[in-house]
Amino acid sequence: MNKKPLLIILVCSLLLPTTAIASEDLPTETIHKIINDFVRVETRHLPGRVIIKTNQLDSRQTLRPCNQLQPFLPPGGRLWGKFSVGVRCQDEAAWTLYVPVEIEVIANVIHAAQPINMGKLVDTQDIVSKEVDLVRIPAGAVTDPDQVVGKVAVTFLASGQPIRTHQLRAPYIITRGQKIRLTATGAGFAVSTEGEALAAAAEGEVVQIRNHTGRIMSGIARAGGIVEIKQ
């Protein structure tokens, strides 16, 4: 009896299950879509346009089919710059995969159009808007010109420099040593007297004052040299 045909049939039968399993491997496109959808939702609060770059999976890696895929951010992970997103299979296949991801956050950022000296009141001529990747510049960059114009620079700003929130302050409406009008209101009464500001303050800031009897109090700075105390 010729055993060669039987051997060929046996070898082919052994190969069939392996081929069937490989054909049922979870497509990498499915993983990429789950990760992209997850990152898109989690970064929806960011200003500007978010560009997501997901690393290609190793073509040699096979994943068993799964009906319950759950994307997650690993402990300590941060959706900024380069990070990893995990995908966990929550059914009987029970596998976990980590995929490197990188995002760009493209937004218009306010830059100094010319040198701005410390103490200068910033106006529209001092600034220009440029489209940049927020990931690649220092944190706190301002994207809204209304948050810059009318503010005072607290440090020197070089031409072309992105402007950050901590480099600006609101203009003072009360200065240290200024004579102020102190007003106090409460249930059924209102009192007004003079005092002296012990520090400078912008609109709405808390400032300490000394009243005419020498008592030190705290109130809210208001326009017109008024400090308001509510009882």
C-alpha atoms as a PDB file:
ATOM      1  CA  MET A   1       0.000   0.000   0.000  1.00  0.00           C
ATOM      2  CA  ASN A   2       1.319   3.449  -0.959  1.00  0.00           C
ATOM      3  CA  LYS A   3       1.455   5.527   2.256  1.00  0.00           C
ATOM      4  CA  LYS A   4       2.398   8.849   0.594  1.00  0.00           C
ATOM      5  CA  PRO A   5      -1.186  10.036  -0.227  1.00  0.00           C
ATOM      6  CA  LEU A   6      -2.254   9.232   3.334  1.00  0.00           C
ATOM      7  CA  LEU A   7       0.680  11.235   4.718  1.00  0.00           C
ATOM      8  CA  ILE A   8      -0.179  14.216   2.507  1.00  0.00           C
ATOM      9  CA  ILE A   9      -3.812  14.127   3.665  1.00  0.00           C
ATOM     10  CA  LEU A  10      -2.726  13.948   7.306  1.00  0.00           C
ATOM     11  CA  VAL A  11      -0.380  16.936   6.964  1.00  0.00           C
ATOM     12  CA  CYS A  12      -3.064  19.006   5.243  1.00  0.00           C
ATOM     13  CA  SER A  13      -5.604  18.161   7.936  1.00  0.00           C
ATOM     14  CA  LEU A  14      -3.192  19.368  10.625  1.00  0.00           C
ATOM     15  CA  LEU A  15      -2.690  22.670   8.842  1.00  0.00           C
ATOM     16  CA  LEU A  16      -6.385  23.470   8.457  1.00  0.00           C
ATOM     17  CA  PRO A  17      -7.170  24.457  12.087  1.00  0.00           C
ATOM     18  CA  THR A  18      -4.175  26.824  12.199  1.00  0.00           C
ATOM     19  CA  THR A  19      -5.290  28.561   9.025  1.00  0.00           C
ATOM     20  CA  ALA A  20      -8.825  28.882  10.336  1.00  0.00           C
ATOM     21  CA  ILE A  21      -7.645  30.511  13.582  1.00  0.00           C
ATOM     22  CA  ALA A  22      -5.379  32.918  11.724  1.00  0.00           C
ATOM     23  CA  SER A  23      -8.233  33.999   9.463  1.00  0.00           C
ATOM     24  CA  GLU A  24     -10.284  34.831  12.539  1.00  0.00           C
ATOM     25  CA  ASP A  25      -7.631  37.036  14.149  1.00  0.00           C
ATOM     26  CA  LEU A  26      -8.922  40.429  15.195  1.00  0.00           C
ATOM     27  CA  PRO A  27      -8.170  42.961  12.409  1.00  0.00           C
ATOM     28  CA  THR A  28      -5.670  45.671  13.342  1.00  0.00           C
ATOM     29  CA  GLU A  29      -8.048  48.206  11.790  1.00  0.00           C
ATOM     30  CA  THR A  30     -10.525  47.411  14.560  1.00  0.00           C
ATOM     31  CA  ILE A  31      -7.915  48.155  17.237  1.00  0.00           C
ATOM     32  CA  HIS A  32      -6.904  51.401  15.541  1.00  0.00           C
ATOM     33  CA  LYS A  33     -10.516  52.569  15.285  1.00  0.00           C
ATOM     34  CA  ILE A  34     -11.231  51.809  18.946  1.00  0.00           C
ATOM     35  CA  ILE A  35      -8.124  53.723  20.041  1.00  0.00           C
ATOM     36  CA  ASN A  36      -8.806  56.681  17.746  1.00  0.00           C
ATOM     37  CA  ASP A  37     -12.423  56.937  18.908  1.00  0.00           C
ATOM     38  CA  PHE A  38     -11.316  56.762  22.562  1.00  0.00           C
ATOM     39  CA  VAL A  39      -8.640  59.451  22.178  1.00  0.00           C
ATOM     40  CA  ARG A  40     -10.992  61.659  20.144  1.00  0.00           C
ATOM     41  CA  VAL A  41     -13.598  61.628  22.919  1.00  0.00           C
ATOM     42  CA  GLU A  42     -11.094  62.086  25.750  1.00  0.00           C
ATOM     43  CA  THR A  43      -9.431  65.087  24.054  1.00  0.00           C
ATOM     44  CA  ARG A  44     -12.607  66.862  22.944  1.00  0.00           C
ATOM     45  CA  HIS A  45     -12.089  69.558  25.612  1.00  0.00           C
ATOM     46  CA  LEU A  46      -8.720  70.611  24.188  1.00  0.00           C
ATOM     47  CA  PRO A  47      -8.562  73.837  22.180  1.00  0.00           C
ATOM     48  CA  GLY A  48      -7.875  73.631  18.475  1.00  0.00           C
ATOM     49  CA  ARG A  49      -7.660  70.630  16.152  1.00  0.00           C
ATOM     50  CA  VAL A  50      -6.415  67.296  17.485  1.00  0.00           C
ATOM     51  CA  ILE A  51      -4.374  65.063  15.147  1.00  0.00           C
ATOM     52  CA  ILE A  52      -4.047  61.451  16.325  1.00  0.00           C
ATOM     53  CA  LYS A  53      -1.170  59.221  15.210  1.00  0.00           C
ATOM     54  CA  THR A  54      -1.427  55.554  16.191  1.00  0.00           C
ATOM     55  CA  ASN A  55       1.604  53.281  15.792  1.00  0.00           C
ATOM     56  CA  GLN A  56       1.223  50.312  13.474  1.00  0.00           C
ATOM     57  CA  LEU A  57       0.778  47.000  15.253  1.00  0.00           C
ATOM     58  CA  ASP A  58       3.325  44.229  14.773  1.00  0.00           C
ATOM     59  CA  SER A  59       2.065  42.206  11.798  1.00  0.00           C
ATOM     60  CA  ARG A  60       3.341  39.033  13.487  1.00  0.00           C
ATOM     61  CA  GLN A  61       1.106  39.602  16.479  1.00  0.00           C
ATOM     62  CA  THR A  62      -2.225  37.772  16.475  1.00  0.00           C
ATOM     63  CA  LEU A  63      -5.204  38.591  18.668  1.00  0.00           C
ATOM     64  CA  ARG A  64      -8.073  36.241  19.320  1.00  0.00           C
ATOM     65  CA  PRO A  65     -11.510  37.592  18.358  1.00  0.00           C
ATOM     66  CA  CYS A  66     -13.237  39.515  21.126  1.00  0.00           C
ATOM     67  CA  ASN A  67     -16.781  40.822  21.514  1.00  0.00           C
ATOM     68  CA  GLN A  68     -16.073  43.148  24.455  1.00  0.00           C
ATOM     69  CA  LEU A  69     -13.170  45.508  23.804  1.00  0.00           C
ATOM     70  CA  GLN A  70     -12.455  48.217  26.369  1.00  0.00           C
ATOM     71  CA  PRO A  71      -9.917  51.003  25.686  1.00  0.00           C
ATOM     72  CA  PHE A  72      -8.272  52.639  28.701  1.00  0.00           C
ATOM     73  CA  LEU A  73      -5.489  54.963  29.727  1.00  0.00           C
ATOM     74  CA  PRO A  74      -2.862  53.176  31.864  1.00  0.00           C
ATOM     75  CA  PRO A  75      -2.295  54.500  35.412  1.00  0.00           C
ATOM     76  CA  GLY A  76      -0.228  57.667  35.306  1.00  0.00           C
ATOM     77  CA  GLY A  77      -0.939  58.122  31.605  1.00  0.00           C
ATOM     78  CA  ARG A  78      -1.657  61.555  30.174  1.00  0.00           C
ATOM     79  CA  LEU A  79      -3.423  62.345  26.907  1.00  0.00           C
ATOM     80  CA  TRP A  80      -0.728  64.722  25.729  1.00  0.00           C
ATOM     81  CA  GLY A  81       2.204  64.325  23.330  1.00  0.00           C
ATOM     82  CA  LYS A  82       3.355  60.693  23.287  1.00  0.00           C
ATOM     83  CA  PHE A  83       1.559  58.120  25.445  1.00  0.00           C
ATOM     84  CA  SER A  84       0.100  54.611  25.334  1.00  0.00           C
ATOM     85  CA  VAL A  85      -3.505  53.459  25.174  1.00  0.00           C
ATOM     86  CA  GLY A  86      -4.477  50.025  26.421  1.00  0.00           C
ATOM     87  CA  VAL A  87      -7.129  47.820  24.850  1.00  0.00           C
ATOM     88  CA  ARG A  88      -8.506  45.055  27.062  1.00  0.00           C
ATOM     89  CA  CYS A  89     -10.577  42.087  25.927  1.00  0.00           C
ATOM     90  CA  GLN A  90     -13.231  41.480  28.568  1.00  0.00           C
ATOM     91  CA  ASP A  91     -14.652  38.195  27.334  1.00  0.00           C
ATOM     92  CA  GLU A  92     -13.146  34.670  27.465  1.00  0.00           C
ATOM     93  CA  ALA A  93     -10.241  35.603  25.155  1.00  0.00           C
ATOM     94  CA  ALA A  94      -8.920  37.804  27.998  1.00  0.00           C
ATOM     95  CA  TRP A  95      -5.968  39.639  26.474  1.00  0.00           C
ATOM     96  CA  THR A  96      -4.570  43.156  26.932  1.00  0.00           C
ATOM     97  CA  LEU A  97      -2.695  45.209  24.364  1.00  0.00           C
ATOM     98  CA  TYR A  98      -0.811  48.510  24.701  1.00  0.00           C
ATOM     99  CA  VAL A  99      -0.413  50.732  21.645  1.00  0.00           C
ATOM    100  CA  PRO A 100       1.840  53.837  21.416  1.00  0.00           C
ATOM    101  CA  VAL A 101      -0.066  56.966  20.388  1.00  0.00           C
ATOM    102  CA  GLU A 102       1.001  60.529  19.633  1.00  0.00           C
ATOM    103  CA  ILE A 103      -1.237  63.576  19.327  1.00  0.00           C
ATOM    104  CA  GLU A 104      -0.776  67.085  18.017  1.00  0.00           C
ATOM    105  CA  VAL A 105      -3.052  69.894  19.172  1.00  0.00           C
ATOM    106  CA  ILE A 106      -3.089  72.547  16.466  1.00  0.00           C
ATOM    107  CA  ALA A 107      -4.397  75.918  17.650  1.00  0.00           C
ATOM    108  CA  ASN A 108      -3.903  79.635  17.181  1.00  0.00           C
ATOM    109  CA  VAL A 109      -1.611  80.923  19.929  1.00  0.00           C
ATOM    110  CA  ILE A 110      -0.988  84.569  20.752  1.00  0.00           C
ATOM    111  CA  HIS A 111       2.641  85.657  20.237  1.00  0.00           C
ATOM    112  CA  ALA A 112       4.423  88.930  20.883  1.00  0.00           C
ATOM    113  CA  ALA A 113       4.544  90.808  17.566  1.00  0.00           C
ATOM    114  CA  GLN A 114       7.309  93.041  18.913  1.00  0.00           C
ATOM    115  CA  PRO A 115       9.296  93.347  22.148  1.00  0.00           C
ATOM    116  CA  ILE A 116       6.978  94.048  25.095  1.00  0.00           C
ATOM    117  CA  ASN A 117       8.580  95.631  28.136  1.00  0.00           C
ATOM    118  CA  MET A 118       7.643  94.660  31.673  1.00  0.00           C
ATOM    119  CA  GLY A 119       4.849  96.881  32.979  1.00  0.00           C
ATOM    120  CA  LYS A 120       3.494  97.740  29.517  1.00  0.00           C
ATOM    121  CA  LEU A 121      -0.250  97.676  28.936  1.00  0.00           C
ATOM    122  CA  VAL A 122      -0.617  95.280  25.998  1.00  0.00           C
ATOM    123  CA  ASP A 123      -2.646  96.445  22.988  1.00  0.00           C
ATOM    124  CA  THR A 124      -3.571  94.882  19.647  1.00  0.00           C
ATOM    125  CA  GLN A 125      -0.424  96.191  17.950  1.00  0.00           C
ATOM    126  CA  ASP A 126       1.733  94.181  20.351  1.00  0.00           C
ATOM    127  CA  ILE A 127       0.390  90.747  19.457  1.00  0.00           C
ATOM    128  CA  VAL A 128      -0.055  88.363  16.535  1.00  0.00           C
ATOM    129  CA  SER A 129      -1.826  85.004  16.264  1.00  0.00           C
ATOM    130  CA  LYS A 130       0.105  81.998  14.914  1.00  0.00           C
ATOM    131  CA  GLU A 131      -0.999  78.409  14.354  1.00  0.00           C
ATOM    132  CA  VAL A 132       1.218  76.014  16.337  1.00  0.00           C
ATOM    133  CA  ASP A 133       1.209  72.603  17.997  1.00  0.00           C
ATOM    134  CA  LEU A 134       0.393  73.215  21.668  1.00  0.00           C
ATOM    135  CA  VAL A 135       2.275  70.051  22.621  1.00  0.00           C
ATOM    136  CA  ARG A 136       5.561  71.593  21.477  1.00  0.00           C
ATOM    137  CA  ILE A 137       5.336  74.901  23.344  1.00  0.00           C
ATOM    138  CA  PRO A 138       5.330  75.694  27.085  1.00  0.00           C
ATOM    139  CA  ALA A 139       2.113  75.086  29.014  1.00  0.00           C
ATOM    140  CA  GLY A 140      -0.245  77.980  29.647  1.00  0.00           C
ATOM    141  CA  ALA A 141      -0.031  79.544  26.184  1.00  0.00           C
ATOM    142  CA  VAL A 142      -2.873  81.999  25.508  1.00  0.00           C
ATOM    143  CA  THR A 143      -5.185  81.260  22.560  1.00  0.00           C
ATOM    144  CA  ASP A 144      -7.698  84.098  23.022  1.00  0.00           C
ATOM    145  CA  PRO A 145      -6.514  87.659  22.229  1.00  0.00           C
ATOM    146  CA  ASP A 146      -9.125  89.050  24.638  1.00  0.00           C
ATOM    147  CA  GLN A 147      -7.116  87.467  27.457  1.00  0.00           C
ATOM    148  CA  VAL A 148      -4.065  89.530  26.457  1.00  0.00           C
ATOM    149  CA  VAL A 149      -5.228  92.946  25.261  1.00  0.00           C
ATOM    150  CA  GLY A 150      -5.643  95.327  28.180  1.00  0.00           C
ATOM    151  CA  LYS A 151      -3.424  93.243  30.472  1.00  0.00           C
ATOM    152  CA  VAL A 152      -0.056  94.284  31.873  1.00  0.00           C
ATOM    153  CA  ALA A 153       3.136  92.346  31.116  1.00  0.00           C
ATOM    154  CA  VAL A 154       4.824  91.201  34.329  1.00  0.00           C
ATOM    155  CA  THR A 155       8.029  90.268  32.500  1.00  0.00           C
ATOM    156  CA  PHE A 156       9.837  91.202  29.293  1.00  0.00           C
ATOM    157  CA  LEU A 157       8.394  89.423  26.241  1.00  0.00           C
ATOM    158  CA  ALA A 158      10.647  88.977  23.216  1.00  0.00           C
ATOM    159  CA  SER A 159       9.305  89.367  19.685  1.00  0.00           C
ATOM    160  CA  GLY A 160       7.898  86.054  18.413  1.00  0.00           C
ATOM    161  CA  GLN A 161       7.546  84.595  21.901  1.00  0.00           C
ATOM    162  CA  PRO A 162       4.323  82.711  22.763  1.00  0.00           C
ATOM    163  CA  ILE A 163       2.518  84.598  25.526  1.00  0.00           C
ATOM    164  CA  ARG A 164       1.580  82.591  28.624  1.00  0.00           C
ATOM    165  CA  THR A 165      -1.066  83.394  31.197  1.00  0.00           C
ATOM    166  CA  HIS A 166       1.358  83.844  34.098  1.00  0.00           C
ATOM    167  CA  GLN A 167       3.223  86.537  32.141  1.00  0.00           C
ATOM    168  CA  LEU A 168       0.248  88.901  32.357  1.00  0.00           C
ATOM    169  CA  ARG A 169      -1.875  90.485  35.045  1.00  0.00           C
ATOM    170  CA  ALA A 170      -4.932  92.681  35.175  1.00  0.00           C
ATOM    171  CA  PRO A 171      -4.167  96.416  35.530  1.00  0.00           C
ATOM    172  CA  TYR A 172      -4.295  97.737  39.068  1.00  0.00           C
ATOM    173  CA  ILE A 173      -7.244  99.966  39.918  1.00  0.00           C
ATOM    174  CA  ILE A 174      -5.950 100.571  43.441  1.00  0.00           C
ATOM    175  CA  THR A 175      -2.328 101.285  44.337  1.00  0.00           C
ATOM    176  CA  ARG A 176      -0.456 100.859  47.594  1.00  0.00           C
ATOM    177  CA  GLY A 177      -0.929 103.868  49.880  1.00  0.00           C
ATOM    178  CA  GLN A 178      -3.920 105.170  47.936  1.00  0.00           C
ATOM    179  CA  LYS A 179      -6.746 106.806  49.856  1.00  0.00           C
ATOM    180  CA  ILE A 180      -9.838 104.729  49.258  1.00  0.00           C
ATOM    181  CA  ARG A 181     -13.521 104.783  50.081  1.00  0.00           C
ATOM    182  CA  LEU A 182     -14.450 101.798  52.237  1.00  0.00           C
ATOM    183  CA  THR A 183     -18.035 100.606  51.975  1.00  0.00           C
ATOM    184  CA  ALA A 184     -19.664  97.954  54.129  1.00  0.00           C
ATOM    185  CA  THR A 185     -23.130  96.567  53.578  1.00  0.00           C
ATOM    186  CA  GLY A 186     -25.244  94.055  55.433  1.00  0.00           C
ATOM    187  CA  ALA A 187     -28.796  93.247  56.402  1.00  0.00           C
ATOM    188  CA  GLY A 188     -30.483  96.614  56.770  1.00  0.00           C
ATOM    189  CA  PHE A 189     -27.378  98.795  56.937  1.00  0.00           C
ATOM    190  CA  ALA A 190     -24.712 100.464  54.778  1.00  0.00           C
ATOM    191  CA  VAL A 191     -21.580 102.240  56.037  1.00  0.00           C
ATOM    192  CA  SER A 192     -19.047 104.311  54.110  1.00  0.00           C
ATOM    193  CA  THR A 193     -15.755 105.647  55.429  1.00  0.00           C
ATOM    194  CA  GLU A 194     -12.231 106.470  54.301  1.00  0.00           C
ATOM    195  CA  GLY A 195      -9.188 104.253  54.502  1.00  0.00           C
ATOM    196  CA  GLU A 196      -5.768 103.546  53.027  1.00  0.00           C
ATOM    197  CA  ALA A 197      -4.836 100.657  50.737  1.00  0.00           C
ATOM    198  CA  LEU A 198      -1.965  98.546  52.072  1.00  0.00           C
ATOM    199  CA  ALA A 199      -1.294  96.908  48.684  1.00  0.00           C
ATOM    200  CA  ALA A 200      -2.095  97.269  44.999  1.00  0.00           C
ATOM    201  CA  ALA A 201      -5.044  95.340  43.583  1.00  0.00           C
ATOM    202  CA  ALA A 202      -6.851  94.703  40.314  1.00  0.00           C
ATOM    203  CA  GLU A 203     -10.625  94.740  39.860  1.00  0.00           C
ATOM    204  CA  GLY A 204     -12.230  92.030  41.993  1.00  0.00           C
ATOM    205  CA  GLU A 205      -9.087  91.155  43.949  1.00  0.00           C
ATOM    206  CA  VAL A 206      -8.928  91.030  47.723  1.00  0.00           C
ATOM    207  CA  VAL A 207      -6.938  93.914  49.212  1.00  0.00           C
ATOM    208  CA  GLN A 208      -6.050  94.853  52.769  1.00  0.00           C
ATOM    209  CA  ILE A 209      -6.865  98.377  53.964  1.00  0.00           C
ATOM    210  CA  ARG A 210      -6.469 100.379  57.143  1.00  0.00           C
ATOM    211  CA  ASN A 211      -9.546 102.341  58.186  1.00  0.00           C
ATOM    212  CA  HIS A 212      -9.594 105.718  59.940  1.00  0.00           C
ATOM    213  CA  THR A 213      -9.348 104.092  63.382  1.00  0.00           C
ATOM    214  CA  GLY A 214      -6.251 102.090  62.408  1.00  0.00           C
ATOM    215  CA  ARG A 215      -8.050  98.779  62.111  1.00  0.00           C
ATOM    216  CA  ILE A 216      -6.804  96.529  59.273  1.00  0.00           C
ATOM    217  CA  MET A 217      -9.528  94.939  57.170  1.00  0.00           C
ATOM    218  CA  SER A 218      -9.861  93.059  53.884  1.00  0.00           C
ATOM    219  CA  GLY A 219     -12.248  93.874  51.050  1.00  0.00           C
ATOM    220  CA  ILE A 220     -12.832  93.586  47.317  1.00  0.00           C
ATOM    221  CA  ALA A 221     -11.237  96.194  45.057  1.00  0.00           C
ATOM    222  CA  ARG A 222     -13.729  98.074  42.879  1.00  0.00           C
ATOM    223  CA  ALA A 223     -13.363 100.826  40.287  1.00  0.00           C
ATOM    224  CA  GLY A 224     -13.291 104.415  41.474  1.00  0.00           C
ATOM    225  CA  GLY A 225     -11.058 103.764  44.485  1.00  0.00           C
ATOM    226  CA  ILE A 226     -13.694 101.776  46.345  1.00  0.00           C
ATOM    227  CA  VAL A 227     -13.078  98.741  48.554  1.00  0.00           C
ATOM    228  CA  GLU A 228     -16.200  96.758  49.309  1.00  0.00           C
ATOM    229  CA  ILE A 229     -16.767  94.758  52.472  1.00  0.00           C
ATOM    230  CA  LYS A 230     -19.804  92.547  52.832  1.00  0.00           C
ATOM    231  CA  GLN A 231     -20.945  91.560  56.292  1.00  0.00           C
END
